[in-house]
Amino acid sequence: MSDATPEQDPELLRRLLRAKDRMDAASHEEWPVQRLAQVSGVSQAHFARSFKQAFGTPPHRYLLTRRIERAMTLLRETDMPITDIAFDTGWASLGTFGRTFRDITGDSPSAVRARGRATAHQLGRVPVCVVNAARRPQLATAVSEKRRQAADGTNEPEPQEIP
C-alpha cells in the first residue's frame, strides 16, 4: 500500500480497505466500481479516485493482479486444467484469460506451469512471503498500453522474469 496523502480521511481509508478486502476474499467474482462504491459507502467517481490515490492502482487493475496471482499459484501448485483455473479465478473466457495473463506476465499459463514445476525444488529454502513477492505480477503499465507499445514497436517492455 502506498503512503496515503494527508487529504484522505482515516474513515474513508477504512472504507476503501473494506472494499479491497472484499476483492481479495472473492477475486473470482465481478467487482464493478458501482459494487465497490456501495461497499465503501461513497460515490463511484469518488471511490475510483480515492482507491487509486490510496493504493497506487485503479480498482480494476488491482483485481486483475489478484486474479493473475491466484492463477499463477494454481498453475504452480495444482494439476488443474488451465481452463478450470481460468474460470475458477473469475475469467469469463479462456481467450481473455490467456491474453491478459501473457500481457501481464510475459508468458503463457502453460509456460509458467512448466517453469514452476522445474524450479519448485529450488525454492524450498526461501521464505514463502519472499517467493510470493517476487512472483507478483507488475501492472505499472496498463495492459492496453502494453498492447499499443507492442503494436507500434516503441518502448516494448521486457517480459518479467518469474522465479
Foldseek 3Di string as FASTA:
>chain_A
DDDADPVDDPLLVVLLVQLVVVCLVCLQDDDDLCNSCVSSVHDSVCSQVRNCRHPVDGPVVSSLQSLLLQLLCCLLPHPDDSVVSCNRSHHPDPVVVQLSNCLFQVDGSNVSSVVSNVCVVVCPVPDPVVLSVQQRTDPPDPSVVQVVCVVVVHPNDDHRDRD
